[in-house]
């Protein structure tokens, strides 16, 4: 089989994964492990659909925004047609979002959020449309534009109470990097009363071996936080005011918010709206990320723990994500690249294995196969690839693009991959792995 035939076969296999996971209006991340609709997953998945099925890309995001709350927030899970499911906890009965009057009665949702990459996905759909579909995609963009604006307004209003320009998150799940070592210092401080969270049974380890999943002690804290929120009716003012033990200004979350505001400005231009408010917010967020989250000693951006008033200097790949929103200036970008080219993240051409590990390979917390503690993730490579291209670092971007193609070919369409061997781990037949592979393959077709 020649290279062209291999590419065609891989593309077909990726589409088959998405077809299997399509549920008449939305795409589950993986059949057994994640049987509902996840927020930032859907944006990445829509980016893949945009390359070959514009209607499905649009339905994906429409379906997600059907679960948007009346206050503007977009929940991290939408439980379409929810039934008791042995493969996922916590389900809608545990979240009890009906305690908040802004929550939709149907479909049921979770009560927290995920990174706001949805405007970026909408603009991608518009840009991928052929000439005969431009007007139709602009109509779709116009339909979602006020929903996206309400979503961003909610983040700046409710998650940036001091008007700094950067939003905080209240749960590791909101970061998208659920089990990252980033959260170890924060979770270690939490005193979790056993009686408060007794009686639940983890289900994530039924589809994936426990060695690849978070520890029980970490999961206890995840559930304790959900209980903290539901006891306060998902009222953001009460959660913040009552001393939520997890309040973190996260680098990647704010990077994607900044990029989303930049993309809202571009959508506004295409739709005949005023781009200035979105441009202003994007600049304010970029300035705040540069001012507050840059760690010059370590050469990357670091999360900030609002509870202690101190940075969280853990060497995660997410600390380099501001490249995706063109936040760092040229000198900082060069400093970041030098760090990326060390053995820590595997991006150097002479280094063995596959880029880029989600956590510093030389750090004591690193694990090549445990969830978010070191494995390579396709969506992280995709974000960093686009970021490096923006700074003219095409050789390194190409190395990441090749990894996006090679990892699924070697390890299957898995949730994440061992960066040393390419072996697949986590959930099988994973949607954003397939979708973003489709996106990069179509760049060369």
Protein backbone atom coordinates (compact mmCIF):
# COMPACT_ATOMS: atom_id res chain seq x y z
CA UNK A 1 0.00 0.00 0.00
CA UNK A 2 1.51 3.34 -1.03
CA UNK A 3 1.32 6.57 0.99
CA UNK A 4 -1.76 7.83 -0.84
CA UNK A 5 -3.61 4.57 -0.26
CA UNK A 6 -2.61 4.59 3.42
CA UNK A 7 -3.94 8.13 3.80
CA UNK A 8 -7.23 7.20 2.12
CA UNK A 9 -7.63 4.14 4.35
CA UNK A 10 -6.86 6.14 7.49
CA UNK A 11 -9.33 8.84 6.47
CA UNK A 12 -12.03 6.23 5.89
CA UNK A 13 -11.35 4.62 9.26
CA UNK A 14 -11.62 7.99 11.00
CA UNK A 15 -14.99 8.68 9.36
CA UNK A 16 -16.20 5.26 10.47
CA UNK A 17 -15.38 6.15 14.09
CA UNK A 18 -17.47 9.31 13.86
CA UNK A 19 -20.31 7.44 12.16
CA UNK A 20 -20.33 4.89 14.99
CA UNK A 21 -20.41 7.62 17.63
CA UNK A 22 -23.08 9.79 15.92
CA UNK A 23 -26.38 9.78 17.82
CA UNK A 24 -28.80 11.58 15.48
CA UNK A 25 -27.80 15.11 16.34
CA UNK A 26 -24.59 14.86 18.33
CA UNK A 27 -21.47 12.75 18.71
CA UNK A 28 -20.47 10.92 21.87
CA UNK A 29 -16.74 11.01 22.63
CA UNK A 30 -16.68 7.21 23.02
CA UNK A 31 -19.48 4.65 23.21
CA UNK A 32 -18.68 2.94 26.51
CA UNK A 33 -16.77 5.52 28.49
CA UNK A 34 -18.53 8.78 27.56
CA UNK A 35 -22.08 8.11 26.32
CA UNK A 36 -23.37 11.72 26.24
CA UNK A 37 -22.29 15.03 24.66
CA UNK A 38 -19.25 16.85 26.01
CA UNK A 39 -18.78 20.57 25.41
CA UNK A 40 -15.22 21.12 24.20
CA UNK A 41 -15.18 17.69 22.56
CA UNK A 42 -18.05 18.78 20.33
CA UNK A 43 -16.14 21.84 19.13
CA UNK A 44 -13.16 19.70 18.12
CA UNK A 45 -15.46 17.11 16.55
CA UNK A 46 -17.28 19.80 14.56
CA UNK A 47 -13.90 20.94 13.20
CA UNK A 48 -13.45 17.49 11.68
CA UNK A 49 -16.97 17.30 10.28
CA UNK A 50 -16.46 20.72 8.69
CA UNK A 51 -14.05 19.10 6.24
CA UNK A 52 -16.58 16.71 4.71
CA UNK A 53 -20.08 17.00 6.24
CA UNK A 54 -21.08 20.61 6.86
CA UNK A 55 -24.61 19.71 7.94
CA UNK A 56 -23.40 17.35 10.63
CA UNK A 57 -20.86 19.91 11.88
CA UNK A 58 -23.66 22.41 12.34
CA UNK A 59 -26.01 19.92 14.00
CA UNK A 60 -23.23 19.01 16.43
CA UNK A 61 -22.99 22.54 17.78
CA UNK A 62 -26.72 23.25 17.60
CA UNK A 63 -27.28 20.18 19.74
CA UNK A 64 -24.75 21.33 22.30
CA UNK A 65 -26.25 24.81 22.54
CA UNK A 66 -29.69 23.29 23.06
CA UNK A 67 -28.36 22.62 26.55
CA UNK A 68 -27.21 26.20 27.13
CA UNK A 69 -28.54 27.68 30.37
CA UNK A 70 -30.68 30.81 30.36
CA UNK A 71 -27.86 32.73 32.05
CA UNK A 72 -25.53 31.96 29.12
CA UNK A 73 -23.33 29.19 30.48
CA UNK A 74 -22.66 26.16 28.29
CA UNK A 75 -22.53 23.04 30.48
CA UNK A 76 -19.72 20.58 30.15
CA UNK A 77 -22.11 17.63 29.59
CA UNK A 78 -25.51 17.55 27.91
CA UNK A 79 -27.41 14.39 28.82
CA UNK A 80 -29.50 13.91 25.69
CA UNK A 81 -32.10 11.15 26.16
CA UNK A 82 -30.47 10.23 29.45
CA UNK A 83 -31.15 6.82 30.90
CA UNK A 84 -29.39 5.03 33.74
CA UNK A 85 -26.07 4.02 32.17
CA UNK A 86 -23.59 1.68 33.77
CA UNK A 87 -20.64 3.29 32.04
CA UNK A 88 -20.82 6.86 33.34
CA UNK A 89 -20.97 8.56 36.73
CA UNK A 90 -21.99 11.19 37.74
CA UNK A 91 -25.13 11.25 35.64
CA UNK A 92 -27.96 13.80 35.65
CA UNK A 93 -29.56 12.50 38.84
CA UNK A 94 -26.38 13.27 40.77
CA UNK A 95 -25.92 16.79 39.39
CA UNK A 96 -29.42 18.02 40.38
CA UNK A 97 -29.12 21.14 38.26
CA UNK A 98 -32.85 21.77 38.65
CA UNK A 99 -31.83 23.58 41.86
CA UNK A 100 -30.84 26.51 39.63
CA UNK A 101 -33.69 28.30 37.86
CA UNK A 102 -31.48 29.07 34.84
CA UNK A 103 -30.85 25.38 34.08
CA UNK A 104 -32.90 23.80 31.30
CA UNK A 105 -35.44 21.19 32.33
CA UNK A 106 -34.71 19.32 29.12
CA UNK A 107 -32.16 18.23 28.15
CA UNK A 108 -30.56 17.56 31.51
CA UNK A 109 -27.03 18.88 31.92
CA UNK A 110 -24.13 19.04 34.31
CA UNK A 111 -23.62 22.22 36.33
CA UNK A 112 -20.05 23.15 35.41
CA UNK A 113 -18.38 24.18 32.13
CA UNK A 114 -15.41 23.38 29.88
CA UNK A 115 -13.01 25.49 27.79
CA UNK A 116 -14.81 27.90 25.42
CA UNK A 117 -13.52 26.77 22.01
CA UNK A 118 -16.91 26.93 20.29
CA UNK A 119 -16.58 30.25 18.43
CA UNK A 120 -13.33 28.93 17.01
CA UNK A 121 -15.20 25.88 15.73
CA UNK A 122 -17.95 28.00 14.17
CA UNK A 123 -15.41 30.15 12.32
CA UNK A 124 -13.64 26.99 11.15
CA UNK A 125 -16.91 25.67 9.71
CA UNK A 126 -17.41 28.94 7.82
CA UNK A 127 -13.86 28.91 6.46
CA UNK A 128 -14.08 25.28 5.34
CA UNK A 129 -17.26 25.82 3.33
CA UNK A 130 -17.01 25.75 -0.44
CA UNK A 131 -18.26 28.80 -2.31
CA UNK A 132 -21.71 27.29 -2.84
CA UNK A 133 -22.07 26.80 0.91
CA UNK A 134 -20.75 30.14 2.17
CA UNK A 135 -24.11 31.83 2.58
CA UNK A 136 -25.59 28.81 4.32
CA UNK A 137 -22.73 28.61 6.81
CA UNK A 138 -22.96 32.34 7.45
CA UNK A 139 -26.62 31.81 8.28
CA UNK A 140 -25.59 29.15 10.78
CA UNK A 141 -22.94 31.47 12.22
CA UNK A 142 -25.55 34.21 12.59
CA UNK A 143 -27.82 31.77 14.41
CA UNK A 144 -25.14 30.83 16.95
CA UNK A 145 -23.56 34.27 17.26
CA UNK A 146 -25.85 35.58 20.05
CA UNK A 147 -25.55 32.27 21.90
CA UNK A 148 -21.75 32.47 21.75
CA UNK A 149 -21.84 36.08 22.91
CA UNK A 150 -24.05 35.14 25.88
CA UNK A 151 -21.66 32.30 26.75
CA UNK A 152 -18.62 34.58 26.78
CA UNK A 153 -20.53 37.31 28.62
CA UNK A 154 -21.32 34.77 31.36
CA UNK A 155 -17.65 33.83 31.74
CA UNK A 156 -16.48 37.42 32.07
CA UNK A 157 -19.38 38.33 34.35
CA UNK A 158 -19.42 35.32 36.68
CA UNK A 159 -15.86 33.99 36.57
CA UNK A 160 -13.89 37.25 36.61
CA UNK A 161 -15.40 39.13 39.56
CA UNK A 162 -12.46 41.55 39.85
CA UNK A 163 -12.47 42.39 36.15
CA UNK A 164 -8.88 41.23 35.64
CA UNK A 165 -9.55 39.85 32.17
CA UNK A 166 -8.92 36.21 33.10
CA UNK A 167 -11.60 33.75 34.19
CA UNK A 168 -11.22 31.17 36.94
CA UNK A 169 -12.36 27.55 36.95
CA UNK A 170 -13.93 25.75 39.91
CA UNK A 171 -13.21 22.09 39.11
CA UNK A 172 -10.44 20.12 37.38
CA UNK A 173 -13.06 18.88 34.91
CA UNK A 174 -13.60 22.46 33.73
CA UNK A 175 -10.04 22.63 32.47
CA UNK A 176 -10.42 19.65 30.14
CA UNK A 177 -7.24 18.30 31.78
CA UNK A 178 -9.06 16.39 34.47
CA UNK A 179 -6.23 14.49 36.19
CA UNK A 180 -3.28 16.73 35.41
CA UNK A 181 -0.57 17.11 38.07
CA UNK A 182 -1.47 20.81 37.84
CA UNK A 183 -4.23 20.13 40.35
CA UNK A 184 -2.23 18.07 42.85
CA UNK A 185 -1.31 21.02 45.13
CA UNK A 186 -4.90 22.29 45.18
CA UNK A 187 -6.57 18.91 45.74
CA UNK A 188 -4.05 17.98 48.45
CA UNK A 189 -5.29 20.89 50.58
CA UNK A 190 -8.89 19.73 50.46
CA UNK A 191 -10.31 18.09 53.56
CA UNK A 192 -13.01 15.74 52.30
CA UNK A 193 -15.39 14.44 55.01
CA UNK A 194 -16.03 10.75 54.20
CA UNK A 195 -19.71 10.97 55.08
CA UNK A 196 -20.25 13.78 52.60
CA UNK A 197 -19.42 11.69 49.54
CA UNK A 198 -20.16 8.13 50.62
CA UNK A 199 -22.35 5.85 48.56
CA UNK A 200 -21.18 6.60 45.02
CA UNK A 201 -19.55 4.03 42.77
CA UNK A 202 -16.98 4.92 40.16
CA UNK A 203 -17.85 3.67 36.70
CA UNK A 204 -15.01 5.14 34.67
CA UNK A 205 -12.80 2.14 35.51
CA UNK A 206 -15.27 -0.35 34.00
CA UNK A 207 -14.35 0.58 30.42
CA UNK A 208 -10.71 1.58 31.05
CA UNK A 209 -8.17 -0.17 33.27
CA UNK A 210 -7.72 1.58 36.66
CA UNK A 211 -4.00 2.08 36.02
CA UNK A 212 -4.88 4.62 33.34
CA UNK A 213 -7.47 6.53 35.36
CA UNK A 214 -7.41 8.98 38.33
CA UNK A 215 -6.80 7.59 41.80
CA UNK A 216 -9.76 7.03 44.14
CA UNK A 217 -8.50 9.83 46.40
CA UNK A 218 -8.62 12.28 43.50
CA UNK A 219 -12.06 11.12 42.42
CA UNK A 220 -13.34 11.64 45.96
CA UNK A 221 -12.33 15.26 45.66
CA UNK A 222 -13.95 15.64 42.24
CA UNK A 223 -17.25 14.43 43.66
CA UNK A 224 -16.88 16.51 46.82
CA UNK A 225 -16.60 19.62 44.64
CA UNK A 226 -19.73 18.71 42.66
CA UNK A 227 -21.56 18.30 45.96
CA UNK A 228 -20.24 21.70 47.08
CA UNK A 229 -21.74 23.29 43.94
CA UNK A 230 -25.11 21.55 44.02
CA UNK A 231 -25.58 22.45 47.70
CA UNK A 232 -25.31 26.07 46.58
CA UNK A 233 -27.64 25.59 43.67
CA UNK A 234 -24.87 26.31 41.14
CA UNK A 235 -25.03 29.95 42.18
CA UNK A 236 -21.62 31.33 41.16
CA UNK A 237 -21.68 34.12 43.75
CA UNK A 238 -22.31 31.64 46.56
CA UNK A 239 -19.68 29.21 45.28
CA UNK A 240 -17.06 31.97 45.20
CA UNK A 241 -18.22 33.67 48.40
CA UNK A 242 -18.47 30.49 50.47
CA UNK A 243 -14.82 29.65 50.00
CA UNK A 244 -14.79 27.17 47.15
CA UNK A 245 -11.58 25.18 47.69
CA UNK A 246 -10.82 25.09 43.97
CA UNK A 247 -10.46 28.52 42.33
CA UNK A 248 -7.82 28.53 39.62
CA UNK A 249 -7.08 30.93 36.77
CA UNK A 250 -6.11 28.33 34.18
CA UNK A 251 -3.76 29.06 31.29
CA UNK A 252 -5.38 26.91 28.62
CA UNK A 253 -8.95 27.86 29.54
CA UNK A 254 -8.08 31.54 29.19
CA UNK A 255 -6.06 30.94 26.04
CA UNK A 256 -9.09 29.39 24.38
CA UNK A 257 -11.29 32.20 25.68
CA UNK A 258 -8.91 34.77 24.21
CA UNK A 259 -8.82 32.95 20.86
CA UNK A 260 -12.61 32.60 20.92
CA UNK A 261 -12.96 36.37 21.38
CA UNK A 262 -10.59 36.94 18.47
CA UNK A 263 -12.71 34.60 16.38
CA UNK A 264 -15.91 36.30 17.51
CA UNK A 265 -14.46 39.54 16.15
CA UNK A 266 -13.88 37.85 12.79
CA UNK A 267 -17.40 36.37 12.82
CA UNK A 268 -18.75 39.83 13.60
CA UNK A 269 -17.02 41.24 10.52
CA UNK A 270 -18.46 38.49 8.34
CA UNK A 271 -21.95 39.05 9.78
CA UNK A 272 -21.92 42.84 9.61
CA UNK A 273 -21.68 43.20 13.39
CA UNK A 274 -19.29 45.42 15.36
CA UNK A 275 -16.04 43.53 16.06
CA UNK A 276 -14.63 46.14 18.44
CA UNK A 277 -16.06 44.77 21.73
CA UNK A 278 -14.66 41.31 21.01
CA UNK A 279 -11.29 42.68 19.96
CA UNK A 280 -11.12 44.71 23.16
CA UNK A 281 -11.91 41.71 25.37
CA UNK A 282 -9.39 39.56 23.51
CA UNK A 283 -6.68 42.18 24.07
CA UNK A 284 -7.60 42.51 27.74
CA UNK A 285 -7.42 38.77 28.27
CA UNK A 286 -4.13 38.48 26.38
CA UNK A 287 -2.67 41.32 28.46
CA UNK A 288 -3.87 39.69 31.68
CA UNK A 289 -2.45 36.29 30.74
CA UNK A 290 0.89 37.93 29.93
CA UNK A 291 0.89 40.00 33.08
CA UNK A 292 -0.30 37.45 35.62
CA UNK A 293 0.39 33.98 34.26
CA UNK A 294 3.80 34.24 32.58
CA UNK A 295 6.59 32.42 34.47
CA UNK A 296 9.83 33.82 33.13
CA UNK A 297 12.01 31.61 35.31
CA UNK A 298 10.54 28.44 33.80
CA UNK A 299 9.82 29.65 30.30
CA UNK A 300 6.08 28.94 30.11
CA UNK A 301 2.75 30.20 31.47
CA UNK A 302 1.60 28.94 34.88
CA UNK A 303 -1.86 28.66 36.43
CA UNK A 304 -2.71 30.90 39.39
CA UNK A 305 -4.33 29.59 42.58
CA UNK A 306 -6.71 32.25 43.87
CA UNK A 307 -7.08 30.50 47.23
CA UNK A 308 -3.38 30.89 48.08
CA UNK A 309 -2.63 33.89 45.89
CA UNK A 310 0.28 32.05 44.31
CA UNK A 311 1.16 30.51 40.92
CA UNK A 312 1.03 26.76 40.35
CA UNK A 313 4.44 26.17 38.73
CA UNK A 314 3.77 22.66 37.41
CA UNK A 315 5.35 21.89 33.99
CA UNK A 316 2.30 20.96 31.91
CA UNK A 317 2.12 21.24 28.12
CA UNK A 318 -0.90 23.52 28.60
CA UNK A 319 1.56 26.19 29.74
CA UNK A 320 2.52 26.57 26.07
CA UNK A 321 -1.05 26.85 24.78
CA UNK A 322 -1.01 30.70 24.63
CA UNK A 323 0.81 30.28 21.31
CA UNK A 324 -2.57 29.22 19.88
CA UNK A 325 -4.02 32.67 20.61
CA UNK A 326 -0.83 34.53 19.67
CA UNK A 327 -0.59 35.85 23.23
CA UNK A 328 3.20 35.87 23.77
CA UNK A 329 5.45 38.33 22.00
CA UNK A 330 8.33 37.13 19.85
CA UNK A 331 10.93 36.91 22.63
CA UNK A 332 8.63 34.95 24.93
CA UNK A 333 7.63 32.65 22.09
CA UNK A 334 11.31 31.89 21.45
CA UNK A 335 11.83 31.15 25.15
CA UNK A 336 8.85 28.78 25.08
CA UNK A 337 10.12 27.03 21.96
CA UNK A 338 13.52 26.40 23.51
CA UNK A 339 11.78 24.67 26.42
CA UNK A 340 9.57 22.65 24.07
CA UNK A 341 12.62 21.40 22.19
CA UNK A 342 14.19 19.91 25.31
CA UNK A 343 13.57 16.24 26.24
CA UNK A 344 10.78 17.43 28.57
CA UNK A 345 8.07 17.42 25.89
CA UNK A 346 9.66 15.50 23.01
CA UNK A 347 9.26 18.08 20.26
CA UNK A 348 12.92 18.14 19.18
CA UNK A 349 13.55 16.37 15.87
CA UNK A 350 16.36 14.28 17.38
CA UNK A 351 14.25 12.98 20.26
CA UNK A 352 12.73 9.53 20.34
CA UNK A 353 9.05 8.80 20.62
CA UNK A 354 6.14 11.06 19.74
CA UNK A 355 5.38 14.66 20.64
CA UNK A 356 4.06 16.17 22.68
CA UNK A 357 3.75 14.71 26.15
CA UNK A 358 1.10 16.49 28.17
CA UNK A 359 3.45 16.78 31.14
CA UNK A 360 7.21 17.16 31.52
CA UNK A 361 8.78 13.74 30.93
CA UNK A 362 11.56 14.54 33.38
CA UNK A 363 9.26 15.56 36.25
CA UNK A 364 8.56 13.11 39.11
CA UNK A 365 4.78 13.27 38.52
CA UNK A 366 5.10 12.13 34.90
CA UNK A 367 3.34 8.96 33.79
CA UNK A 368 3.29 8.00 30.08
CA UNK A 369 -0.08 6.25 30.27
CA UNK A 370 -2.09 7.65 33.19
CA UNK A 371 -4.85 10.10 32.29
CA UNK A 372 -3.40 13.61 31.73
CA UNK A 373 -0.21 12.90 33.64
CA UNK A 374 2.03 12.57 30.59
CA UNK A 375 0.32 10.93 27.59
CA UNK A 376 0.19 12.64 24.21
CA UNK A 377 -3.24 13.95 23.22
CA UNK A 378 -4.30 14.65 19.66
CA UNK A 379 -6.17 17.85 20.51
CA UNK A 380 -3.20 19.26 22.43
CA UNK A 381 -0.94 18.56 19.45
CA UNK A 382 -3.52 20.21 17.17
CA UNK A 383 -3.65 23.38 19.29
CA UNK A 384 0.13 23.59 19.58
CA UNK A 385 0.58 22.86 15.86
CA UNK A 386 -1.57 25.87 14.95
CA UNK A 387 0.18 27.98 17.56
CA UNK A 388 3.64 27.19 16.21
CA UNK A 389 2.50 27.94 12.66
CA UNK A 390 1.36 31.39 13.80
CA UNK A 391 4.97 32.11 14.83
CA UNK A 392 6.49 30.70 11.65
CA UNK A 393 7.79 27.55 13.34
CA UNK A 394 6.70 25.30 10.52
CA UNK A 395 9.25 22.52 11.10
CA UNK A 396 8.04 21.92 14.64
CA UNK A 397 4.41 22.31 13.56
CA UNK A 398 4.97 19.68 10.88
CA UNK A 399 6.38 17.29 13.50
CA UNK A 400 3.17 17.67 15.46
CA UNK A 401 1.06 17.22 12.33
CA UNK A 402 2.88 13.97 11.58
CA UNK A 403 2.28 12.79 15.14
CA UNK A 404 -1.46 13.50 14.75
CA UNK A 405 -1.42 11.13 11.76
CA UNK A 406 1.03 8.53 13.07
CA UNK A 407 -0.38 7.98 16.56
CA UNK A 408 -3.86 6.78 15.46
CA UNK A 409 -2.25 4.70 12.70
CA UNK A 410 -0.01 2.99 15.26
CA UNK A 411 -2.10 2.96 18.44
CA UNK A 412 -5.66 3.05 17.08
CA UNK A 413 -8.28 5.76 17.56
CA UNK A 414 -7.65 5.97 21.28
CA UNK A 415 -8.27 8.76 23.76
CA UNK A 416 -4.55 9.37 24.36
CA UNK A 417 -1.18 7.78 23.62
CA UNK A 418 2.07 6.79 25.29
CA UNK A 419 4.49 9.44 23.96
CA UNK A 420 7.42 7.05 24.26
CA UNK A 421 5.97 4.07 22.36
CA UNK A 422 2.86 5.33 20.55
CA UNK A 423 0.67 2.75 22.31
CA UNK A 424 -2.96 3.83 22.66
CA UNK A 425 -4.63 4.20 26.06
CA UNK A 426 -7.94 5.31 27.52
CA UNK A 427 -11.23 5.01 25.67
CA UNK A 428 -11.41 3.21 22.33
CA UNK A 429 -12.79 4.67 19.07
CA UNK A 430 -12.43 8.20 20.40
CA UNK A 431 -14.19 10.93 18.45
CA UNK A 432 -11.91 13.93 18.62
CA UNK A 433 -8.93 11.74 17.75
CA UNK A 434 -10.76 10.80 14.55
CA UNK A 435 -12.10 14.30 13.87
CA UNK A 436 -8.82 16.17 14.21
CA UNK A 437 -7.03 13.53 12.17
CA UNK A 438 -9.59 14.18 9.42
CA UNK A 439 -8.92 17.90 9.70
CA UNK A 440 -5.15 17.60 9.23
CA UNK A 441 -5.46 15.00 6.48
CA UNK A 442 -7.74 17.35 4.52
CA UNK A 443 -5.10 20.08 4.73
CA UNK A 444 -3.08 18.08 2.17
CA UNK A 445 -5.89 16.74 -0.02
